[in-house]
Amino acid sequence: MNIRRSHRLLAHGAFFIVLALVAVFGFLGIPSEAVTEEATQPITAISWAQSAQPYRDHTGDVVLYCPGDGQVGYLAGSDIYTDDSSICSAAVHGGLITVEDGGAIAIRILPGQPKYVSSTQNDVTSDAWGAWFGSFTFTVLHDPIAGAVTVD
């Protein structure tokens, strides 16, 4: 089999896989626009101690999973958090997940801010902080089954 023919077969196979996915989602009543690039990103499981610092140079959203039965860790800021804060703890603070159940979240990396405010939300108190090098916030998480899950 020559290379040109194998590429053509591969392209046809990929087309039929996409067509099958669209048909399945359509059959389930899921609008095709709910199947986004973000929805097909792998979800990375993280620990409750994980901060956003390793993602500081990342552009776009990062989809993460916090396991259940977690423990709240260090947290500075409110709505916009220092990137050395616990991502999962910030998600509990923001009302996106619970310590008991955990869950999938999406963060967006932001530049550092001149200051971060303290607040108490969902039984979690964050610290206030001055200027810091990097930040993150939460963004829309697209679920191929449930659709968009938004953050208020």
N, C-alpha and C. Protein backbone atom coordinates (compact mmCIF):
# COMPACT_ATOMS: atom_id res chain seq x y z
N MET A 1 0.85 -1.16 0.00
CA MET A 1 0.00 0.00 0.00
C MET A 1 0.90 1.23 0.00
N ASN A 2 0.66 2.16 -0.91
CA ASN A 2 1.52 3.33 -0.95
C ASN A 2 1.09 4.35 0.10
N ILE A 3 1.96 5.31 0.35
CA ILE A 3 1.72 6.29 1.40
C ILE A 3 0.50 7.15 1.09
N ARG A 4 0.33 7.56 -0.17
CA ARG A 4 -0.79 8.41 -0.54
C ARG A 4 -2.12 7.71 -0.23
N ARG A 5 -2.21 6.42 -0.55
CA ARG A 5 -3.46 5.70 -0.30
C ARG A 5 -3.69 5.52 1.20
N SER A 6 -2.63 5.24 1.98
CA SER A 6 -2.80 5.06 3.42
C SER A 6 -3.24 6.37 4.08
N HIS A 7 -2.73 7.52 3.62
CA HIS A 7 -3.17 8.80 4.16
C HIS A 7 -4.64 9.05 3.83
N ARG A 8 -5.05 8.66 2.63
CA ARG A 8 -6.44 8.84 2.22
C ARG A 8 -7.35 7.97 3.08
N LEU A 9 -6.94 6.73 3.35
CA LEU A 9 -7.74 5.84 4.21
C LEU A 9 -7.81 6.37 5.63
N LEU A 10 -6.68 6.89 6.11
CA LEU A 10 -6.65 7.46 7.45
C LEU A 10 -7.58 8.66 7.54
N ALA A 11 -7.57 9.52 6.54
CA ALA A 11 -8.45 10.69 6.52
C ALA A 11 -9.91 10.25 6.48
N HIS A 12 -10.24 9.25 5.68
CA HIS A 12 -11.62 8.76 5.63
C HIS A 12 -12.02 8.16 6.97
N GLY A 13 -11.13 7.42 7.59
CA GLY A 13 -11.42 6.83 8.89
C GLY A 13 -11.69 7.89 9.94
N ALA A 14 -10.86 8.95 9.97
CA ALA A 14 -11.06 10.05 10.92
C ALA A 14 -12.39 10.74 10.66
N PHE A 15 -12.73 10.92 9.38
CA PHE A 15 -14.00 11.55 9.03
C PHE A 15 -15.17 10.74 9.57
N PHE A 16 -15.12 9.43 9.42
CA PHE A 16 -16.22 8.59 9.90
C PHE A 16 -16.30 8.57 11.43
N ILE A 17 -15.16 8.67 12.09
CA ILE A 17 -15.18 8.75 13.56
C ILE A 17 -15.86 10.04 13.99
N VAL A 18 -15.48 11.17 13.37
CA VAL A 18 -16.12 12.44 13.70
C VAL A 18 -17.61 12.39 13.38
N LEU A 19 -17.95 11.82 12.23
CA LEU A 19 -19.35 11.70 11.84
C LEU A 19 -20.12 10.86 12.86
N ALA A 20 -19.52 9.78 13.33
CA ALA A 20 -20.17 8.92 14.32
C ALA A 20 -20.36 9.66 15.63
N LEU A 21 -19.36 10.45 16.06
CA LEU A 21 -19.49 11.22 17.29
C LEU A 21 -20.61 12.25 17.18
N VAL A 22 -20.67 12.94 16.05
CA VAL A 22 -21.74 13.92 15.85
C VAL A 22 -23.10 13.23 15.89
N ALA A 23 -23.20 12.06 15.27
CA ALA A 23 -24.46 11.32 15.27
C ALA A 23 -24.84 10.90 16.68
N VAL A 24 -23.88 10.40 17.45
CA VAL A 24 -24.16 9.97 18.82
C VAL A 24 -24.60 11.16 19.66
N PHE A 25 -23.85 12.27 19.58
CA PHE A 25 -24.23 13.44 20.36
C PHE A 25 -25.60 13.96 19.93
N GLY A 26 -25.87 13.94 18.64
CA GLY A 26 -27.17 14.37 18.14
C GLY A 26 -28.27 13.46 18.63
N PHE A 27 -28.01 12.16 18.65
CA PHE A 27 -29.00 11.19 19.12
C PHE A 27 -29.31 11.41 20.59
N LEU A 28 -28.28 11.80 21.37
CA LEU A 28 -28.48 12.03 22.79
C LEU A 28 -29.07 13.41 23.07
N GLY A 29 -29.28 14.19 22.02
CA GLY A 29 -29.84 15.52 22.20
C GLY A 29 -28.83 16.56 22.63
N ILE A 30 -27.54 16.26 22.44
CA ILE A 30 -26.49 17.19 22.82
C ILE A 30 -26.16 18.05 21.60
N PRO A 31 -26.28 19.37 21.72
CA PRO A 31 -25.96 20.21 20.57
C PRO A 31 -24.49 20.10 20.21
N SER A 32 -24.22 20.11 18.91
CA SER A 32 -22.85 19.93 18.46
C SER A 32 -21.94 21.03 18.96
N GLU A 33 -22.47 22.25 19.22
CA GLU A 33 -21.61 23.32 19.71
C GLU A 33 -21.14 23.07 21.14
N ALA A 34 -21.77 22.13 21.85
CA ALA A 34 -21.32 21.79 23.21
C ALA A 34 -20.05 20.96 23.17
N VAL A 35 -19.73 20.38 22.03
CA VAL A 35 -18.52 19.58 21.89
C VAL A 35 -17.44 20.52 21.39
N THR A 36 -16.67 21.07 22.31
CA THR A 36 -15.66 22.05 21.98
C THR A 36 -14.28 21.43 22.13
N GLU A 37 -13.28 22.20 21.72
CA GLU A 37 -11.91 21.74 21.88
C GLU A 37 -11.60 21.52 23.35
N GLU A 38 -12.09 22.44 24.23
CA GLU A 38 -11.85 22.29 25.65
C GLU A 38 -12.47 21.00 26.18
N ALA A 39 -13.63 20.62 25.64
CA ALA A 39 -14.32 19.43 26.10
C ALA A 39 -13.54 18.18 25.78
N THR A 40 -12.67 18.26 24.77
CA THR A 40 -11.90 17.09 24.39
C THR A 40 -10.50 17.09 24.99
N GLN A 41 -10.15 18.13 25.76
CA GLN A 41 -8.86 18.17 26.42
C GLN A 41 -8.82 17.10 27.51
N PRO A 42 -7.65 16.54 27.73
CA PRO A 42 -7.56 15.61 28.85
C PRO A 42 -7.71 16.39 30.16
N ILE A 43 -8.30 15.74 31.14
CA ILE A 43 -8.45 16.36 32.46
C ILE A 43 -7.33 15.80 33.34
N THR A 44 -6.55 16.70 33.90
CA THR A 44 -5.42 16.31 34.74
C THR A 44 -5.85 16.28 36.19
N ALA A 45 -5.69 15.13 36.84
CA ALA A 45 -5.98 15.02 38.27
C ALA A 45 -4.83 15.65 39.04
N ILE A 46 -5.17 16.47 40.03
CA ILE A 46 -4.16 17.14 40.84
C ILE A 46 -4.43 16.86 42.31
N SER A 47 -3.44 17.14 43.13
CA SER A 47 -3.62 17.00 44.58
C SER A 47 -4.15 18.32 45.13
N TRP A 48 -4.61 18.28 46.36
CA TRP A 48 -5.13 19.49 46.99
C TRP A 48 -4.02 20.48 47.32
N ALA A 49 -2.79 20.05 47.30
CA ALA A 49 -1.66 20.95 47.55
C ALA A 49 -1.19 21.66 46.28
N GLN A 50 -1.67 21.21 45.11
CA GLN A 50 -1.21 21.74 43.83
C GLN A 50 -1.56 23.22 43.67
N SER A 51 -0.56 24.01 43.33
CA SER A 51 -0.79 25.43 43.03
C SER A 51 -0.79 25.61 41.52
N ALA A 52 -1.07 26.83 41.07
CA ALA A 52 -1.08 27.13 39.64
C ALA A 52 0.28 27.59 39.13
N GLN A 53 1.29 27.66 39.98
CA GLN A 53 2.60 28.13 39.54
C GLN A 53 3.17 27.36 38.36
N PRO A 54 3.03 26.04 38.29
CA PRO A 54 3.58 25.33 37.12
C PRO A 54 2.92 25.74 35.79
N TYR A 55 1.77 26.37 35.85
CA TYR A 55 1.05 26.78 34.65
C TYR A 55 1.28 28.26 34.32
N ARG A 56 2.17 28.93 35.01
CA ARG A 56 2.34 30.38 34.89
C ARG A 56 2.52 30.84 33.44
N ASP A 57 3.24 30.12 32.62
CA ASP A 57 3.47 30.52 31.23
C ASP A 57 2.44 29.95 30.27
N HIS A 58 1.42 29.27 30.78
CA HIS A 58 0.40 28.64 29.94
C HIS A 58 -0.58 29.68 29.41
N THR A 59 -0.96 29.53 28.15
CA THR A 59 -2.02 30.38 27.61
C THR A 59 -3.27 29.53 27.42
N GLY A 60 -4.42 30.12 27.60
CA GLY A 60 -5.66 29.37 27.49
C GLY A 60 -6.05 28.77 28.82
N ASP A 61 -7.11 27.98 28.79
CA ASP A 61 -7.65 27.39 30.01
C ASP A 61 -7.03 26.02 30.26
N VAL A 62 -6.98 25.64 31.51
CA VAL A 62 -6.46 24.34 31.93
C VAL A 62 -7.58 23.62 32.66
N VAL A 63 -7.90 22.40 32.25
CA VAL A 63 -8.96 21.61 32.87
C VAL A 63 -8.31 20.64 33.85
N LEU A 64 -8.77 20.69 35.10
CA LEU A 64 -8.18 19.91 36.17
C LEU A 64 -9.26 19.18 36.95
N TYR A 65 -8.84 18.17 37.71
CA TYR A 65 -9.77 17.41 38.54
C TYR A 65 -9.21 17.34 39.96
N CYS A 66 -10.02 17.78 40.92
CA CYS A 66 -9.69 17.69 42.34
C CYS A 66 -10.39 16.47 42.91
N PRO A 67 -9.65 15.55 43.53
CA PRO A 67 -10.30 14.36 44.09
C PRO A 67 -11.13 14.70 45.31
N GLY A 68 -12.07 13.85 45.65
CA GLY A 68 -12.88 14.01 46.85
C GLY A 68 -12.07 13.75 48.10
N ASP A 69 -12.65 14.05 49.24
CA ASP A 69 -12.01 13.88 50.55
C ASP A 69 -10.70 14.66 50.64
N GLY A 70 -10.75 15.91 50.18
CA GLY A 70 -9.56 16.76 50.19
C GLY A 70 -9.39 17.49 51.50
N GLN A 71 -8.36 18.33 51.52
CA GLN A 71 -8.08 19.14 52.69
C GLN A 71 -7.72 20.54 52.20
N VAL A 72 -8.42 21.55 52.73
CA VAL A 72 -8.18 22.93 52.31
C VAL A 72 -6.77 23.34 52.68
N GLY A 73 -6.10 23.97 51.73
CA GLY A 73 -4.73 24.44 51.93
C GLY A 73 -4.64 25.94 51.81
N TYR A 74 -3.43 26.43 51.59
CA TYR A 74 -3.16 27.87 51.52
C TYR A 74 -3.94 28.51 50.37
N LEU A 75 -4.45 29.72 50.64
CA LEU A 75 -5.29 30.42 49.67
C LEU A 75 -5.18 31.92 49.89
N ALA A 76 -4.84 32.67 48.84
CA ALA A 76 -4.80 34.14 48.91
C ALA A 76 -5.57 34.72 47.73
N GLY A 77 -6.51 35.60 48.04
CA GLY A 77 -7.30 36.25 47.01
C GLY A 77 -8.75 35.84 47.06
N SER A 78 -9.53 36.45 46.19
CA SER A 78 -10.95 36.14 46.09
C SER A 78 -11.37 36.43 44.65
N ASP A 79 -11.87 35.45 43.95
CA ASP A 79 -12.17 35.49 42.52
C ASP A 79 -10.91 35.43 41.66
N ILE A 80 -9.92 36.24 42.01
CA ILE A 80 -8.58 36.12 41.41
C ILE A 80 -7.64 35.76 42.55
N TYR A 81 -6.92 34.65 42.37
CA TYR A 81 -6.08 34.11 43.43
C TYR A 81 -4.61 34.16 43.03
N THR A 82 -3.72 34.26 44.04
CA THR A 82 -2.29 34.16 43.75
C THR A 82 -2.01 32.77 43.20
N ASP A 83 -1.05 32.68 42.30
CA ASP A 83 -0.81 31.37 41.68
C ASP A 83 -0.09 30.39 42.59
N ASP A 84 0.27 30.81 43.80
CA ASP A 84 0.82 29.85 44.77
C ASP A 84 -0.27 29.31 45.69
N SER A 85 -1.53 29.71 45.45
CA SER A 85 -2.67 29.19 46.22
C SER A 85 -3.01 27.78 45.76
N SER A 86 -3.62 27.03 46.66
CA SER A 86 -4.14 25.70 46.33
C SER A 86 -5.30 25.86 45.35
N ILE A 87 -5.19 25.25 44.18
CA ILE A 87 -6.24 25.36 43.16
C ILE A 87 -7.55 24.76 43.67
N CYS A 88 -7.48 23.59 44.27
CA CYS A 88 -8.70 22.92 44.75
C CYS A 88 -9.34 23.72 45.89
N SER A 89 -8.52 24.29 46.77
CA SER A 89 -9.06 25.10 47.86
C SER A 89 -9.75 26.34 47.31
N ALA A 90 -9.18 26.95 46.29
CA ALA A 90 -9.80 28.11 45.65
C ALA A 90 -11.13 27.72 45.01
N ALA A 91 -11.20 26.52 44.45
CA ALA A 91 -12.45 26.04 43.83
C ALA A 91 -13.54 25.86 44.88
N VAL A 92 -13.18 25.39 46.08
CA VAL A 92 -14.15 25.28 47.17
C VAL A 92 -14.56 26.68 47.61
N HIS A 93 -13.60 27.56 47.79
CA HIS A 93 -13.86 28.96 48.17
C HIS A 93 -14.83 29.61 47.19
N GLY A 94 -14.65 29.33 45.90
CA GLY A 94 -15.51 29.90 44.86
C GLY A 94 -16.83 29.18 44.68
N GLY A 95 -17.05 28.09 45.41
CA GLY A 95 -18.32 27.38 45.34
C GLY A 95 -18.45 26.44 44.15
N LEU A 96 -17.34 26.07 43.53
CA LEU A 96 -17.39 25.20 42.35
C LEU A 96 -17.40 23.72 42.70
N ILE A 97 -16.73 23.37 43.78
CA ILE A 97 -16.67 21.97 44.23
C ILE A 97 -16.77 21.96 45.75
N THR A 98 -16.85 20.77 46.32
CA THR A 98 -16.80 20.63 47.77
C THR A 98 -15.58 19.81 48.15
N VAL A 99 -15.16 19.96 49.40
CA VAL A 99 -14.04 19.17 49.92
C VAL A 99 -14.39 17.69 49.85
N GLU A 100 -15.64 17.35 50.16
CA GLU A 100 -16.06 15.96 50.21
C GLU A 100 -16.09 15.31 48.83
N ASP A 101 -16.62 16.01 47.84
CA ASP A 101 -16.84 15.40 46.52
C ASP A 101 -15.78 15.74 45.48
N GLY A 102 -15.08 16.85 45.63
CA GLY A 102 -14.13 17.26 44.59
C GLY A 102 -14.86 17.55 43.30
N GLY A 103 -14.14 17.47 42.17
CA GLY A 103 -14.78 17.67 40.88
C GLY A 103 -13.86 18.30 39.85
N ALA A 104 -14.39 18.42 38.64
CA ALA A 104 -13.63 19.01 37.52
C ALA A 104 -13.81 20.52 37.53
N ILE A 105 -12.73 21.22 37.20
CA ILE A 105 -12.72 22.68 37.16
C ILE A 105 -11.88 23.13 35.98
N ALA A 106 -12.04 24.38 35.59
CA ALA A 106 -11.20 24.97 34.55
C ALA A 106 -10.64 26.28 35.08
N ILE A 107 -9.32 26.44 34.98
CA ILE A 107 -8.69 27.68 35.43
C ILE A 107 -8.13 28.43 34.22
N ARG A 108 -8.02 29.74 34.39
CA ARG A 108 -7.38 30.59 33.38
C ARG A 108 -6.24 31.32 34.08
N ILE A 109 -5.06 31.23 33.50
CA ILE A 109 -3.87 31.88 34.06
C ILE A 109 -3.92 33.37 33.72
N LEU A 110 -3.62 34.19 34.71
CA LEU A 110 -3.63 35.65 34.56
C LEU A 110 -2.29 36.21 35.01
N PRO A 111 -1.98 37.44 34.61
CA PRO A 111 -0.77 38.07 35.13
C PRO A 111 -0.93 38.38 36.62
N GLY A 112 0.19 38.67 37.26
CA GLY A 112 0.15 39.05 38.67
C GLY A 112 -0.66 40.32 38.87
N GLN A 113 -1.22 40.46 40.06
CA GLN A 113 -2.05 41.60 40.41
C GLN A 113 -1.32 42.46 41.45
N PRO A 114 -1.71 43.74 41.57
CA PRO A 114 -1.07 44.59 42.58
C PRO A 114 -1.48 44.24 44.02
N LYS A 115 -2.67 43.63 44.18
CA LYS A 115 -3.10 43.19 45.51
C LYS A 115 -4.20 42.14 45.37
N TYR A 116 -4.37 41.38 46.43
CA TYR A 116 -5.38 40.32 46.50
C TYR A 116 -6.16 40.52 47.79
N VAL A 117 -7.49 40.44 47.70
CA VAL A 117 -8.32 40.67 48.87
C VAL A 117 -8.67 39.36 49.56
N SER A 118 -8.95 39.47 50.84
CA SER A 118 -9.37 38.33 51.66
C SER A 118 -10.89 38.27 51.69
N SER A 119 -11.42 37.06 51.77
CA SER A 119 -12.86 36.89 51.97
C SER A 119 -13.13 35.51 52.54
N THR A 120 -14.32 35.36 53.10
CA THR A 120 -14.78 34.06 53.57
C THR A 120 -15.98 33.67 52.73
N GLN A 121 -15.85 32.55 52.04
CA GLN A 121 -16.93 32.03 51.20
C GLN A 121 -16.95 30.51 51.37
N ASN A 122 -18.13 29.94 51.47
CA ASN A 122 -18.29 28.49 51.56
C ASN A 122 -17.43 27.87 52.65
N ASP A 123 -17.40 28.56 53.81
CA ASP A 123 -16.65 28.10 54.99
C ASP A 123 -15.14 28.05 54.78
N VAL A 124 -14.63 28.77 53.80
CA VAL A 124 -13.19 28.85 53.55
C VAL A 124 -12.79 30.32 53.56
N THR A 125 -11.76 30.65 54.34
CA THR A 125 -11.26 32.02 54.41
C THR A 125 -9.94 32.11 53.67
N SER A 126 -9.86 33.08 52.77
CA SER A 126 -8.62 33.31 52.03
C SER A 126 -7.86 34.46 52.68
N ASP A 127 -6.55 34.50 52.45
CA ASP A 127 -5.71 35.58 52.95
C ASP A 127 -5.70 36.74 51.96
N ALA A 128 -5.42 37.93 52.49
CA ALA A 128 -5.12 39.08 51.64
C ALA A 128 -3.61 39.03 51.34
N TRP A 129 -3.22 39.60 50.22
CA TRP A 129 -1.80 39.61 49.87
C TRP A 129 -1.52 40.82 49.02
N GLY A 130 -0.28 41.26 49.03
CA GLY A 130 0.15 42.38 48.19
C GLY A 130 0.44 41.91 46.78
N ALA A 131 1.28 42.63 46.09
CA ALA A 131 1.62 42.30 44.70
C ALA A 131 2.23 40.90 44.63
N TRP A 132 1.87 40.17 43.56
CA TRP A 132 2.39 38.81 43.36
C TRP A 132 2.65 38.60 41.88
N PHE A 133 3.49 37.62 41.56
CA PHE A 133 3.98 37.40 40.19
C PHE A 133 2.97 36.81 39.23
N GLY A 134 2.06 35.98 39.72
CA GLY A 134 1.11 35.31 38.83
C GLY A 134 -0.22 35.07 39.52
N SER A 135 -1.27 34.90 38.72
CA SER A 135 -2.62 34.73 39.25
C SER A 135 -3.39 33.70 38.44
N PHE A 136 -4.54 33.31 38.97
CA PHE A 136 -5.47 32.49 38.21
C PHE A 136 -6.88 32.79 38.67
N THR A 137 -7.82 32.46 37.80
CA THR A 137 -9.24 32.56 38.11
C THR A 137 -9.91 31.34 37.51
N PHE A 138 -11.19 31.20 37.74
CA PHE A 138 -11.93 30.08 37.17
C PHE A 138 -12.70 30.56 35.95
N THR A 139 -12.91 29.66 35.04
CA THR A 139 -13.59 30.00 33.80
C THR A 139 -14.65 28.94 33.49
N VAL A 140 -15.27 29.06 32.35
CA VAL A 140 -16.34 28.14 31.95
C VAL A 140 -15.74 26.76 31.67
N LEU A 141 -16.37 25.76 32.23
CA LEU A 141 -15.97 24.37 31.98
C LEU A 141 -17.01 23.77 31.05
N HIS A 142 -16.57 23.28 29.90
CA HIS A 142 -17.50 22.67 28.94
C HIS A 142 -17.51 21.17 29.13
N ASP A 143 -18.67 20.62 29.38
CA ASP A 143 -18.86 19.19 29.54
C ASP A 143 -19.62 18.68 28.33
N PRO A 144 -19.09 17.66 27.63
CA PRO A 144 -19.77 17.21 26.41
C PRO A 144 -21.16 16.63 26.66
N ILE A 145 -21.46 16.23 27.87
CA ILE A 145 -22.77 15.68 28.17
C ILE A 145 -23.69 16.78 28.73
N ALA A 146 -23.20 17.50 29.75
CA ALA A 146 -24.05 18.48 30.42
C ALA A 146 -24.05 19.84 29.73
N GLY A 147 -23.09 20.09 28.85
CA GLY A 147 -22.98 21.41 28.23
C GLY A 147 -22.07 22.28 29.04
N ALA A 148 -22.24 23.58 28.92
CA ALA A 148 -21.37 24.52 29.63
C ALA A 148 -21.80 24.64 31.08
N VAL A 149 -20.83 24.55 31.96
CA VAL A 149 -21.04 24.78 33.38
C VAL A 149 -20.37 26.11 33.67
N THR A 150 -21.13 27.12 34.04
CA THR A 150 -20.57 28.45 34.19
C THR A 150 -20.30 28.80 35.63
N VAL A 151 -19.42 29.76 35.82
CA VAL A 151 -19.08 30.26 37.13
C VAL A 151 -19.78 31.60 37.28
N ASP A 152 -20.57 31.76 38.35
CA ASP A 152 -21.26 33.03 38.60
C ASP A 152 -20.29 34.11 39.01
